Amino acid sequence: MRRLVVAWTVFVSTLILACALMGQDFKFESNQIKERQKAEMKALQLKHKYTKDSMKGQPISKATRTQMGNEMKREEKALRLKHESELETLKDRMRVMKEAQPG
């Protein structure tokens, strides 16, 4: 009987520790994703700035300038959607893990 109580205590304490670590893991991973996304967005904005600067003073038609501007907007929108999707995937994973916990 004593072994059963000790085993049960070890199991419960392990479960509590795992839950605590899982919560910290979510925050850590979330912060990593946000930092990476911020760096990606800054890199894209810098790329767009250099593209605009290179077009200044060049004999480029208005249609080509408009096309390049639209392409830059599409790139930014695609990156924003990718970032939203990544965060939603992380939240879904955490939701599934919480539901799978006994309790």
PDB file of N, CA and C in Angstrom:
ATOM      1  N   MET A   1       0.826  -1.192   0.000  1.00  0.00           N
ATOM      2  CA  MET A   1       0.000   0.000   0.000  1.00  0.00           C
ATOM      3  C   MET A   1       0.875   1.263   0.000  1.00  0.00           C
ATOM      4  N   ARG A   2       1.936   1.187   0.771  1.00  0.00           N
ATOM      5  CA  ARG A   2       2.827   2.338   0.842  1.00  0.00           C
ATOM      6  C   ARG A   2       3.470   2.610  -0.512  1.00  0.00           C
ATOM      7  N   ARG A   3       3.848   1.572  -1.241  1.00  0.00           N
ATOM      8  CA  ARG A   3       4.430   1.726  -2.578  1.00  0.00           C
ATOM      9  C   ARG A   3       3.438   2.384  -3.524  1.00  0.00           C
ATOM     10  N   LEU A   4       2.194   2.020  -3.400  1.00  0.00           N
ATOM     11  CA  LEU A   4       1.156   2.598  -4.246  1.00  0.00           C
ATOM     12  C   LEU A   4       1.025   4.105  -3.970  1.00  0.00           C
ATOM     13  N   VAL A   5       1.055   4.502  -2.724  1.00  0.00           N
ATOM     14  CA  VAL A   5       0.953   5.916  -2.365  1.00  0.00           C
ATOM     15  C   VAL A   5       2.176   6.680  -2.869  1.00  0.00           C
ATOM     16  N   VAL A   6       3.359   6.103  -2.721  1.00  0.00           N
ATOM     17  CA  VAL A   6       4.579   6.748  -3.198  1.00  0.00           C
ATOM     18  C   VAL A   6       4.542   6.871  -4.723  1.00  0.00           C
ATOM     19  N   ALA A   7       4.139   5.814  -5.395  1.00  0.00           N
ATOM     20  CA  ALA A   7       4.057   5.843  -6.858  1.00  0.00           C
ATOM     21  C   ALA A   7       3.050   6.900  -7.306  1.00  0.00           C
ATOM     22  N   TRP A   8       1.912   6.957  -6.632  1.00  0.00           N
ATOM     23  CA  TRP A   8       0.884   7.936  -6.987  1.00  0.00           C
ATOM     24  C   TRP A   8       1.395   9.365  -6.750  1.00  0.00           C
ATOM     25  N   THR A   9       2.087   9.598  -5.678  1.00  0.00           N
ATOM     26  CA  THR A   9       2.647  10.918  -5.374  1.00  0.00           C
ATOM     27  C   THR A   9       3.677  11.330  -6.418  1.00  0.00           C
ATOM     28  N   VAL A  10       4.531  10.414  -6.807  1.00  0.00           N
ATOM     29  CA  VAL A  10       5.534  10.696  -7.836  1.00  0.00           C
ATOM     30  C   VAL A  10       4.847  11.015  -9.161  1.00  0.00           C
ATOM     31  N   PHE A  11       3.828  10.263  -9.502  1.00  0.00           N
ATOM     32  CA  PHE A  11       3.095  10.491 -10.745  1.00  0.00           C
ATOM     33  C   PHE A  11       2.444  11.874 -10.763  1.00  0.00           C
ATOM     34  N   VAL A  12       1.773  12.232  -9.699  1.00  0.00           N
ATOM     35  CA  VAL A  12       1.089  13.527  -9.626  1.00  0.00           C
ATOM     36  C   VAL A  12       2.095  14.671  -9.654  1.00  0.00           C
ATOM     37  N   SER A  13       3.189  14.546  -8.911  1.00  0.00           N
ATOM     38  CA  SER A  13       4.186  15.617  -8.897  1.00  0.00           C
ATOM     39  C   SER A  13       4.847  15.764 -10.268  1.00  0.00           C
ATOM     40  N   THR A  14       5.083  14.655 -10.957  1.00  0.00           N
ATOM     41  CA  THR A  14       5.644  14.705 -12.311  1.00  0.00           C
ATOM     42  C   THR A  14       4.676  15.388 -13.264  1.00  0.00           C
ATOM     43  N   LEU A  15       3.409  15.081 -13.122  1.00  0.00           N
ATOM     44  CA  LEU A  15       2.384  15.683 -13.971  1.00  0.00           C
ATOM     45  C   LEU A  15       2.308  17.193 -13.738  1.00  0.00           C
ATOM     46  N   ILE A  16       2.356  17.610 -12.503  1.00  0.00           N
ATOM     47  CA  ILE A  16       2.312  19.040 -12.180  1.00  0.00           C
ATOM     48  C   ILE A  16       3.535  19.754 -12.743  1.00  0.00           C
ATOM     49  N   LEU A  17       4.697  19.149 -12.588  1.00  0.00           N
ATOM     50  CA  LEU A  17       5.931  19.733 -13.115  1.00  0.00           C
ATOM     51  C   LEU A  17       5.878  19.841 -14.639  1.00  0.00           C
ATOM     52  N   ALA A  18       5.368  18.803 -15.286  1.00  0.00           N
ATOM     53  CA  ALA A  18       5.266  18.809 -16.749  1.00  0.00           C
ATOM     54  C   ALA A  18       4.335  19.920 -17.218  1.00  0.00           C
ATOM     55  N   CYS A  19       3.224  20.105 -16.520  1.00  0.00           N
ATOM     56  CA  CYS A  19       2.278  21.164 -16.884  1.00  0.00           C
ATOM     57  C   CYS A  19       2.933  22.533 -16.741  1.00  0.00           C
ATOM     58  N   ALA A  20       3.677  22.725 -15.673  1.00  0.00           N
ATOM     59  CA  ALA A  20       4.348  24.010 -15.449  1.00  0.00           C
ATOM     60  C   ALA A  20       5.385  24.276 -16.530  1.00  0.00           C
ATOM     61  N   LEU A  21       6.153  23.262 -16.873  1.00  0.00           N
ATOM     62  CA  LEU A  21       7.173  23.420 -17.904  1.00  0.00           C
ATOM     63  C   LEU A  21       6.547  23.653 -19.269  1.00  0.00           C
ATOM     64  N   MET A  22       5.417  23.018 -19.521  1.00  0.00           N
ATOM     65  CA  MET A  22       4.755  23.166 -20.801  1.00  0.00           C
ATOM     66  C   MET A  22       4.279  24.609 -20.969  1.00  0.00           C
ATOM     67  N   GLY A  23       3.777  25.217 -19.919  1.00  0.00           N
ATOM     68  CA  GLY A  23       3.358  26.605 -19.981  1.00  0.00           C
ATOM     69  C   GLY A  23       4.528  27.529 -20.268  1.00  0.00           C
ATOM     70  N   GLN A  24       5.662  27.270 -19.649  1.00  0.00           N
ATOM     71  CA  GLN A  24       6.852  28.062 -19.895  1.00  0.00           C
ATOM     72  C   GLN A  24       7.349  27.857 -21.320  1.00  0.00           C
ATOM     73  N   ASP A  25       7.255  26.632 -21.804  1.00  0.00           N
ATOM     74  CA  ASP A  25       7.684  26.316 -23.159  1.00  0.00           C
ATOM     75  C   ASP A  25       6.851  27.100 -24.165  1.00  0.00           C
ATOM     76  N   PHE A  26       5.558  27.218 -23.911  1.00  0.00           N
ATOM     77  CA  PHE A  26       4.680  27.966 -24.803  1.00  0.00           C
ATOM     78  C   PHE A  26       5.112  29.425 -24.865  1.00  0.00           C
ATOM     79  N   LYS A  27       5.384  30.019 -23.705  1.00  0.00           N
ATOM     80  CA  LYS A  27       5.789  31.422 -23.678  1.00  0.00           C
ATOM     81  C   LYS A  27       7.126  31.608 -24.388  1.00  0.00           C
ATOM     82  N   PHE A  28       8.059  30.703 -24.140  1.00  0.00           N
ATOM     83  CA  PHE A  28       9.377  30.786 -24.763  1.00  0.00           C
ATOM     84  C   PHE A  28       9.266  30.670 -26.281  1.00  0.00           C
ATOM     85  N   GLU A  29       8.522  29.664 -26.730  1.00  0.00           N
ATOM     86  CA  GLU A  29       8.370  29.453 -28.168  1.00  0.00           C
ATOM     87  C   GLU A  29       7.620  30.613 -28.814  1.00  0.00           C
ATOM     88  N   SER A  30       6.609  31.120 -28.134  1.00  0.00           N
ATOM     89  CA  SER A  30       5.851  32.258 -28.643  1.00  0.00           C
ATOM     90  C   SER A  30       6.747  33.480 -28.789  1.00  0.00           C
ATOM     91  N   ASN A  31       7.575  33.738 -27.796  1.00  0.00           N
ATOM     92  CA  ASN A  31       8.495  34.879 -27.869  1.00  0.00           C
ATOM     93  C   ASN A  31       9.508  34.709 -28.989  1.00  0.00           C
ATOM     94  N   GLN A  32      10.000  33.486 -29.173  1.00  0.00           N
ATOM     95  CA  GLN A  32      10.954  33.227 -30.261  1.00  0.00           C
ATOM     96  C   GLN A  32      10.310  33.493 -31.616  1.00  0.00           C
ATOM     97  N   ILE A  33       9.083  33.012 -31.788  1.00  0.00           N
ATOM     98  CA  ILE A  33       8.387  33.209 -33.058  1.00  0.00           C
ATOM     99  C   ILE A  33       8.165  34.696 -33.317  1.00  0.00           C
ATOM    100  N   LYS A  34       7.732  35.423 -32.300  1.00  0.00           N
ATOM    101  CA  LYS A  34       7.477  36.852 -32.468  1.00  0.00           C
ATOM    102  C   LYS A  34       8.750  37.616 -32.809  1.00  0.00           C
ATOM    103  N   GLU A  35       9.857  37.279 -32.168  1.00  0.00           N
ATOM    104  CA  GLU A  35      11.125  37.944 -32.462  1.00  0.00           C
ATOM    105  C   GLU A  35      11.570  37.654 -33.901  1.00  0.00           C
ATOM    106  N   ARG A  36      11.438  36.399 -34.319  1.00  0.00           N
ATOM    107  CA  ARG A  36      11.817  36.041 -35.688  1.00  0.00           C
ATOM    108  C   ARG A  36      10.929  36.761 -36.693  1.00  0.00           C
ATOM    109  N   GLN A  37       9.624  36.831 -36.394  1.00  0.00           N
ATOM    110  CA  GLN A  37       8.706  37.504 -37.300  1.00  0.00           C
ATOM    111  C   GLN A  37       9.016  38.997 -37.397  1.00  0.00           C
ATOM    112  N   LYS A  38       9.376  39.593 -36.277  1.00  0.00           N
ATOM    113  CA  LYS A  38       9.728  41.011 -36.285  1.00  0.00           C
ATOM    114  C   LYS A  38      10.958  41.236 -37.164  1.00  0.00           C
ATOM    115  N   ALA A  39      11.943  40.350 -37.049  1.00  0.00           N
ATOM    116  CA  ALA A  39      13.160  40.477 -37.865  1.00  0.00           C
ATOM    117  C   ALA A  39      12.841  40.284 -39.348  1.00  0.00           C
ATOM    118  N   GLU A  40      11.967  39.323 -39.664  1.00  0.00           N
ATOM    119  CA  GLU A  40      11.591  39.100 -41.062  1.00  0.00           C
ATOM    120  C   GLU A  40      10.883  40.317 -41.638  1.00  0.00           C
ATOM    121  N   MET A  41       9.986  40.925 -40.860  1.00  0.00           N
ATOM    122  CA  MET A  41       9.248  42.091 -41.341  1.00  0.00           C
ATOM    123  C   MET A  41      10.193  43.274 -41.553  1.00  0.00           C
ATOM    124  N   LYS A  42      11.150  43.465 -40.637  1.00  0.00           N
ATOM    125  CA  LYS A  42      12.116  44.551 -40.813  1.00  0.00           C
ATOM    126  C   LYS A  42      12.968  44.326 -42.050  1.00  0.00           C
ATOM    127  N   ALA A  43      13.361  43.086 -42.290  1.00  0.00           N
ATOM    128  CA  ALA A  43      14.166  42.772 -43.472  1.00  0.00           C
ATOM    129  C   ALA A  43      13.377  43.051 -44.750  1.00  0.00           C
ATOM    130  N   LEU A  44      12.101  42.700 -44.748  1.00  0.00           N
ATOM    131  CA  LEU A  44      11.267  42.954 -45.927  1.00  0.00           C
ATOM    132  C   LEU A  44      11.088  44.452 -46.144  1.00  0.00           C
ATOM    133  N   GLN A  45      10.870  45.193 -45.072  1.00  0.00           N
ATOM    134  CA  GLN A  45      10.717  46.643 -45.202  1.00  0.00           C
ATOM    135  C   GLN A  45      12.012  47.280 -45.707  1.00  0.00           C
ATOM    136  N   LEU A  46      13.141  46.793 -45.252  1.00  0.00           N
ATOM    137  CA  LEU A  46      14.424  47.304 -45.728  1.00  0.00           C
ATOM    138  C   LEU A  46      14.618  46.986 -47.211  1.00  0.00           C
ATOM    139  N   LYS A  47      14.226  45.792 -47.605  1.00  0.00           N
ATOM    140  CA  LYS A  47      14.311  45.405 -49.020  1.00  0.00           C
ATOM    141  C   LYS A  47      13.437  46.333 -49.869  1.00  0.00           C
ATOM    142  N   HIS A  48      12.234  46.619 -49.383  1.00  0.00           N
ATOM    143  CA  HIS A  48      11.328  47.511 -50.119  1.00  0.00           C
ATOM    144  C   HIS A  48      11.893  48.931 -50.195  1.00  0.00           C
ATOM    145  N   LYS A  49      12.526  49.376 -49.118  1.00  0.00           N
ATOM    146  CA  LYS A  49      13.122  50.710 -49.104  1.00  0.00           C
ATOM    147  C   LYS A  49      14.231  50.793 -50.150  1.00  0.00           C
ATOM    148  N   TYR A  50      15.075  49.776 -50.189  1.00  0.00           N
ATOM    149  CA  TYR A  50      16.164  49.779 -51.169  1.00  0.00           C
ATOM    150  C   TYR A  50      15.623  49.688 -52.598  1.00  0.00           C
ATOM    151  N   THR A  51      14.548  48.943 -52.774  1.00  0.00           N
ATOM    152  CA  THR A  51      13.935  48.853 -54.104  1.00  0.00           C
ATOM    153  C   THR A  51      13.406  50.211 -54.534  1.00  0.00           C
ATOM    154  N   LYS A  52      12.717  50.906 -53.629  1.00  0.00           N
ATOM    155  CA  LYS A  52      12.190  52.233 -53.951  1.00  0.00           C
ATOM    156  C   LYS A  52      13.320  53.214 -54.224  1.00  0.00           C
ATOM    157  N   ASP A  53      14.376  53.143 -53.424  1.00  0.00           N
ATOM    158  CA  ASP A  53      15.518  54.032 -53.625  1.00  0.00           C
ATOM    159  C   ASP A  53      16.189  53.780 -54.971  1.00  0.00           C
ATOM    160  N   SER A  54      16.250  52.537 -55.387  1.00  0.00           N
ATOM    161  CA  SER A  54      16.894  52.225 -56.664  1.00  0.00           C
ATOM    162  C   SER A  54      16.048  52.685 -57.848  1.00  0.00           C
ATOM    163  N   MET A  55      14.738  52.804 -57.626  1.00  0.00           N
ATOM    164  CA  MET A  55      13.871  53.266 -58.716  1.00  0.00           C
ATOM    165  C   MET A  55      13.937  54.785 -58.891  1.00  0.00           C
ATOM    166  N   LYS A  56      14.341  55.505 -57.849  1.00  0.00           N
ATOM    167  CA  LYS A  56      14.415  56.960 -57.935  1.00  0.00           C
ATOM    168  C   LYS A  56      15.467  57.375 -58.959  1.00  0.00           C
ATOM    169  N   GLY A  57      15.079  58.304 -59.811  1.00  0.00           N
ATOM    170  CA  GLY A  57      16.014  58.819 -60.802  1.00  0.00           C
ATOM    171  C   GLY A  57      16.216  57.908 -61.997  1.00  0.00           C
ATOM    172  N   GLN A  58      15.520  56.793 -62.025  1.00  0.00           N
ATOM    173  CA  GLN A  58      15.650  55.866 -63.157  1.00  0.00           C
ATOM    174  C   GLN A  58      14.501  56.105 -64.145  1.00  0.00           C
ATOM    175  N   PRO A  59      14.768  55.955 -65.412  1.00  0.00           N
ATOM    176  CA  PRO A  59      13.693  56.129 -66.400  1.00  0.00           C
ATOM    177  C   PRO A  59      12.809  54.871 -66.469  1.00  0.00           C
ATOM    178  N   ILE A  60      11.935  54.731 -65.476  1.00  0.00           N
ATOM    179  CA  ILE A  60      11.052  53.573 -65.401  1.00  0.00           C
ATOM    180  C   ILE A  60       9.635  54.062 -65.638  1.00  0.00           C
ATOM    181  N   SER A  61       8.880  53.320 -66.445  1.00  0.00           N
ATOM    182  CA  SER A  61       7.517  53.748 -66.762  1.00  0.00           C
ATOM    183  C   SER A  61       6.618  53.667 -65.533  1.00  0.00           C
ATOM    184  N   LYS A  62       5.516  54.436 -65.584  1.00  0.00           N
ATOM    185  CA  LYS A  62       4.579  54.464 -64.467  1.00  0.00           C
ATOM    186  C   LYS A  62       3.962  53.084 -64.253  1.00  0.00           C
ATOM    187  N   ALA A  63       3.694  52.368 -65.330  1.00  0.00           N
ATOM    188  CA  ALA A  63       3.111  51.032 -65.216  1.00  0.00           C
ATOM    189  C   ALA A  63       4.061  50.079 -64.474  1.00  0.00           C
ATOM    190  N   THR A  64       5.344  50.177 -64.768  1.00  0.00           N
ATOM    191  CA  THR A  64       6.325  49.322 -64.113  1.00  0.00           C
ATOM    192  C   THR A  64       6.449  49.676 -62.630  1.00  0.00           C
ATOM    193  N   ARG A  65       6.436  50.985 -62.342  1.00  0.00           N
ATOM    194  CA  ARG A  65       6.490  51.417 -60.935  1.00  0.00           C
ATOM    195  C   ARG A  65       5.265  50.897 -60.169  1.00  0.00           C
ATOM    196  N   THR A  66       4.102  51.019 -60.783  1.00  0.00           N
ATOM    197  CA  THR A  66       2.868  50.535 -60.155  1.00  0.00           C
ATOM    198  C   THR A  66       2.935  49.030 -59.938  1.00  0.00           C
ATOM    199  N   GLN A  67       3.428  48.320 -60.936  1.00  0.00           N
ATOM    200  CA  GLN A  67       3.552  46.871 -60.834  1.00  0.00           C
ATOM    201  C   GLN A  67       4.497  46.489 -59.699  1.00  0.00           C
ATOM    202  N   MET A  68       5.615  47.175 -59.576  1.00  0.00           N
ATOM    203  CA  MET A  68       6.570  46.878 -58.504  1.00  0.00           C
ATOM    204  C   MET A  68       5.960  47.206 -57.137  1.00  0.00           C
ATOM    205  N   GLY A  69       5.218  48.319 -57.049  1.00  0.00           N
ATOM    206  CA  GLY A  69       4.556  48.673 -55.800  1.00  0.00           C
ATOM    207  C   GLY A  69       3.538  47.629 -55.392  1.00  0.00           C
ATOM    208  N   ASN A  70       2.773  47.157 -56.360  1.00  0.00           N
ATOM    209  CA  ASN A  70       1.782  46.111 -56.070  1.00  0.00           C
ATOM    210  C   ASN A  70       2.455  44.816 -55.635  1.00  0.00           C
ATOM    211  N   GLU A  71       3.575  44.491 -56.258  1.00  0.00           N
ATOM    212  CA  GLU A  71       4.320  43.288 -55.877  1.00  0.00           C
ATOM    213  C   GLU A  71       4.822  43.395 -54.435  1.00  0.00           C
ATOM    214  N   MET A  72       5.293  44.577 -54.062  1.00  0.00           N
ATOM    215  CA  MET A  72       5.767  44.771 -52.694  1.00  0.00           C
ATOM    216  C   MET A  72       4.613  44.622 -51.701  1.00  0.00           C
ATOM    217  N   LYS A  73       3.455  45.141 -52.047  1.00  0.00           N
ATOM    218  CA  LYS A  73       2.284  45.004 -51.172  1.00  0.00           C
ATOM    219  C   LYS A  73       1.888  43.535 -51.034  1.00  0.00           C
ATOM    220  N   ARG A  74       1.943  42.792 -52.148  1.00  0.00           N
ATOM    221  CA  ARG A  74       1.610  41.357 -52.098  1.00  0.00           C
ATOM    222  C   ARG A  74       2.586  40.604 -51.202  1.00  0.00           C
ATOM    223  N   GLU A  75       3.881  40.925 -51.309  1.00  0.00           N
ATOM    224  CA  GLU A  75       4.886  40.274 -50.465  1.00  0.00           C
ATOM    225  C   GLU A  75       4.619  40.540 -48.989  1.00  0.00           C
ATOM    226  N   GLU A  76       4.294  41.791 -48.665  1.00  0.00           N
ATOM    227  CA  GLU A  76       4.045  42.152 -47.271  1.00  0.00           C
ATOM    228  C   GLU A  76       2.794  41.450 -46.740  1.00  0.00           C
ATOM    229  N   LYS A  77       1.763  41.388 -47.562  1.00  0.00           N
ATOM    230  CA  LYS A  77       0.532  40.713 -47.146  1.00  0.00           C
ATOM    231  C   LYS A  77       0.767  39.218 -46.948  1.00  0.00           C
ATOM    232  N   ALA A  78       1.517  38.607 -47.856  1.00  0.00           N
ATOM    233  CA  ALA A  78       1.810  37.173 -47.737  1.00  0.00           C
ATOM    234  C   ALA A  78       2.608  36.893 -46.459  1.00  0.00           C
ATOM    235  N   LEU A  79       3.560  37.761 -46.143  1.00  0.00           N
ATOM    236  CA  LEU A  79       4.347  37.574 -44.925  1.00  0.00           C
ATOM    237  C   LEU A  79       3.474  37.734 -43.684  1.00  0.00           C
ATOM    238  N   ARG A  80       2.578  38.723 -43.702  1.00  0.00           N
ATOM    239  CA  ARG A  80       1.679  38.932 -42.565  1.00  0.00           C
ATOM    240  C   ARG A  80       0.777  37.710 -42.361  1.00  0.00           C
ATOM    241  N   LEU A  81       0.236  37.174 -43.455  1.00  0.00           N
ATOM    242  CA  LEU A  81      -0.619  35.986 -43.350  1.00  0.00           C
ATOM    243  C   LEU A  81       0.164  34.776 -42.841  1.00  0.00           C
ATOM    244  N   LYS A  82       1.404  34.639 -43.291  1.00  0.00           N
ATOM    245  CA  LYS A  82       2.254  33.536 -42.819  1.00  0.00           C
ATOM    246  C   LYS A  82       2.490  33.657 -41.322  1.00  0.00           C
ATOM    247  N   HIS A  83       2.748  34.869 -40.852  1.00  0.00           N
ATOM    248  CA  HIS A  83       2.984  35.087 -39.427  1.00  0.00           C
ATOM    249  C   HIS A  83       1.736  34.777 -38.605  1.00  0.00           C
ATOM    250  N   GLU A  84       0.579  35.217 -39.080  1.00  0.00           N
ATOM    251  CA  GLU A  84      -0.667  34.918 -38.370  1.00  0.00           C
ATOM    252  C   GLU A  84      -0.893  33.414 -38.305  1.00  0.00           C
ATOM    253  N   SER A  85      -0.622  32.733 -39.396  1.00  0.00           N
ATOM    254  CA  SER A  85      -0.804  31.289 -39.459  1.00  0.00           C
ATOM    255  C   SER A  85       0.118  30.570 -38.475  1.00  0.00           C
ATOM    256  N   GLU A  86       1.365  31.028 -38.378  1.00  0.00           N
ATOM    257  CA  GLU A  86       2.315  30.408 -37.448  1.00  0.00           C
ATOM    258  C   GLU A  86       1.839  30.536 -36.000  1.00  0.00           C
ATOM    259  N   LEU A  87       1.360  31.719 -35.640  1.00  0.00           N
ATOM    260  CA  LEU A  87       0.891  31.919 -34.268  1.00  0.00           C
ATOM    261  C   LEU A  87      -0.368  31.098 -33.987  1.00  0.00           C
ATOM    262  N   GLU A  88      -1.256  31.011 -34.974  1.00  0.00           N
ATOM    263  CA  GLU A  88      -2.469  30.200 -34.799  1.00  0.00           C
ATOM    264  C   GLU A  88      -2.107  28.724 -34.639  1.00  0.00           C
ATOM    265  N   THR A  89      -1.124  28.262 -35.402  1.00  0.00           N
ATOM    266  CA  THR A  89      -0.681  26.868 -35.287  1.00  0.00           C
ATOM    267  C   THR A  89      -0.126  26.597 -33.897  1.00  0.00           C
ATOM    268  N   LEU A  90       0.657  27.528 -33.378  1.00  0.00           N
ATOM    269  CA  LEU A  90       1.204  27.375 -32.029  1.00  0.00           C
ATOM    270  C   LEU A  90       0.082  27.324 -30.989  1.00  0.00           C
ATOM    271  N   LYS A  91      -0.877  28.225 -31.120  1.00  0.00           N
ATOM    272  CA  LYS A  91      -2.005  28.248 -30.177  1.00  0.00           C
ATOM    273  C   LYS A  91      -2.822  26.957 -30.271  1.00  0.00           C
ATOM    274  N   ASP A  92      -3.036  26.466 -31.484  1.00  0.00           N
ATOM    275  CA  ASP A  92      -3.781  25.215 -31.656  1.00  0.00           C
ATOM    276  C   ASP A  92      -3.045  24.046 -31.015  1.00  0.00           C
ATOM    277  N   ARG A  93      -1.716  24.001 -31.218  1.00  0.00           N
ATOM    278  CA  ARG A  93      -0.924  22.935 -30.609  1.00  0.00           C
ATOM    279  C   ARG A  93      -1.040  22.954 -29.095  1.00  0.00           C
ATOM    280  N   MET A  94      -0.956  24.147 -28.515  1.00  0.00           N
ATOM    281  CA  MET A  94      -1.053  24.256 -27.060  1.00  0.00           C
ATOM    282  C   MET A  94      -2.445  23.878 -26.568  1.00  0.00           C
ATOM    283  N   ARG A  95      -3.464  24.242 -27.331  1.00  0.00           N
ATOM    284  CA  ARG A  95      -4.838  23.898 -26.971  1.00  0.00           C
ATOM    285  C   ARG A  95      -5.026  22.376 -26.968  1.00  0.00           C
ATOM    286  N   VAL A  96      -4.478  21.718 -27.979  1.00  0.00           N
ATOM    287  CA  VAL A  96      -4.576  20.254 -28.056  1.00  0.00           C
ATOM    288  C   VAL A  96      -3.832  19.603 -26.904  1.00  0.00           C
ATOM    289  N   MET A  97      -2.667  20.134 -26.562  1.00  0.00           N
ATOM    290  CA  MET A  97      -1.892  19.567 -25.456  1.00  0.00           C
ATOM    291  C   MET A  97      -2.612  19.736 -24.135  1.00  0.00           C
ATOM    292  N   LYS A  98      -3.277  20.880 -23.937  1.00  0.00           N
ATOM    293  CA  LYS A  98      -4.014  21.105 -22.702  1.00  0.00           C
ATOM    294  C   LYS A  98      -5.223  20.166 -22.602  1.00  0.00           C
ATOM    295  N   GLU A  99      -5.894  19.948 -23.741  1.00  0.00           N
ATOM    296  CA  GLU A  99      -7.055  19.054 -23.750  1.00  0.00           C
ATOM    297  C   GLU A  99      -6.648  17.600 -23.505  1.00  0.00           C
ATOM    298  N   ALA A 100      -5.435  17.243 -23.923  1.00  0.00           N
ATOM    299  CA  ALA A 100      -4.971  15.872 -23.773  1.00  0.00           C
ATOM    300  C   ALA A 100      -4.534  15.574 -22.338  1.00  0.00           C
ATOM    301  N   GLN A 101      -4.330  16.619 -21.552  1.00  0.00           N
ATOM    302  CA  GLN A 101      -3.896  16.398 -20.161  1.00  0.00           C
ATOM    303  C   GLN A 101      -5.043  15.819 -19.345  1.00  0.00           C
ATOM    304  N   PRO A 102      -4.730  14.850 -18.520  1.00  0.00           N
ATOM    305  CA  PRO A 102      -5.779  14.316 -17.644  1.00  0.00           C
ATOM    306  C   PRO A 102      -6.112  15.327 -16.563  1.00  0.00           C
ATOM    307  N   GLY A 103      -7.388  15.416 -16.282  1.00  0.00           N
ATOM    308  CA  GLY A 103      -7.564  16.284 -15.216  1.00  0.00           C
ATOM    309  C   GLY A 103      -8.662  17.043 -14.849  1.00  0.00           C
TER     310      GLY A 103
END
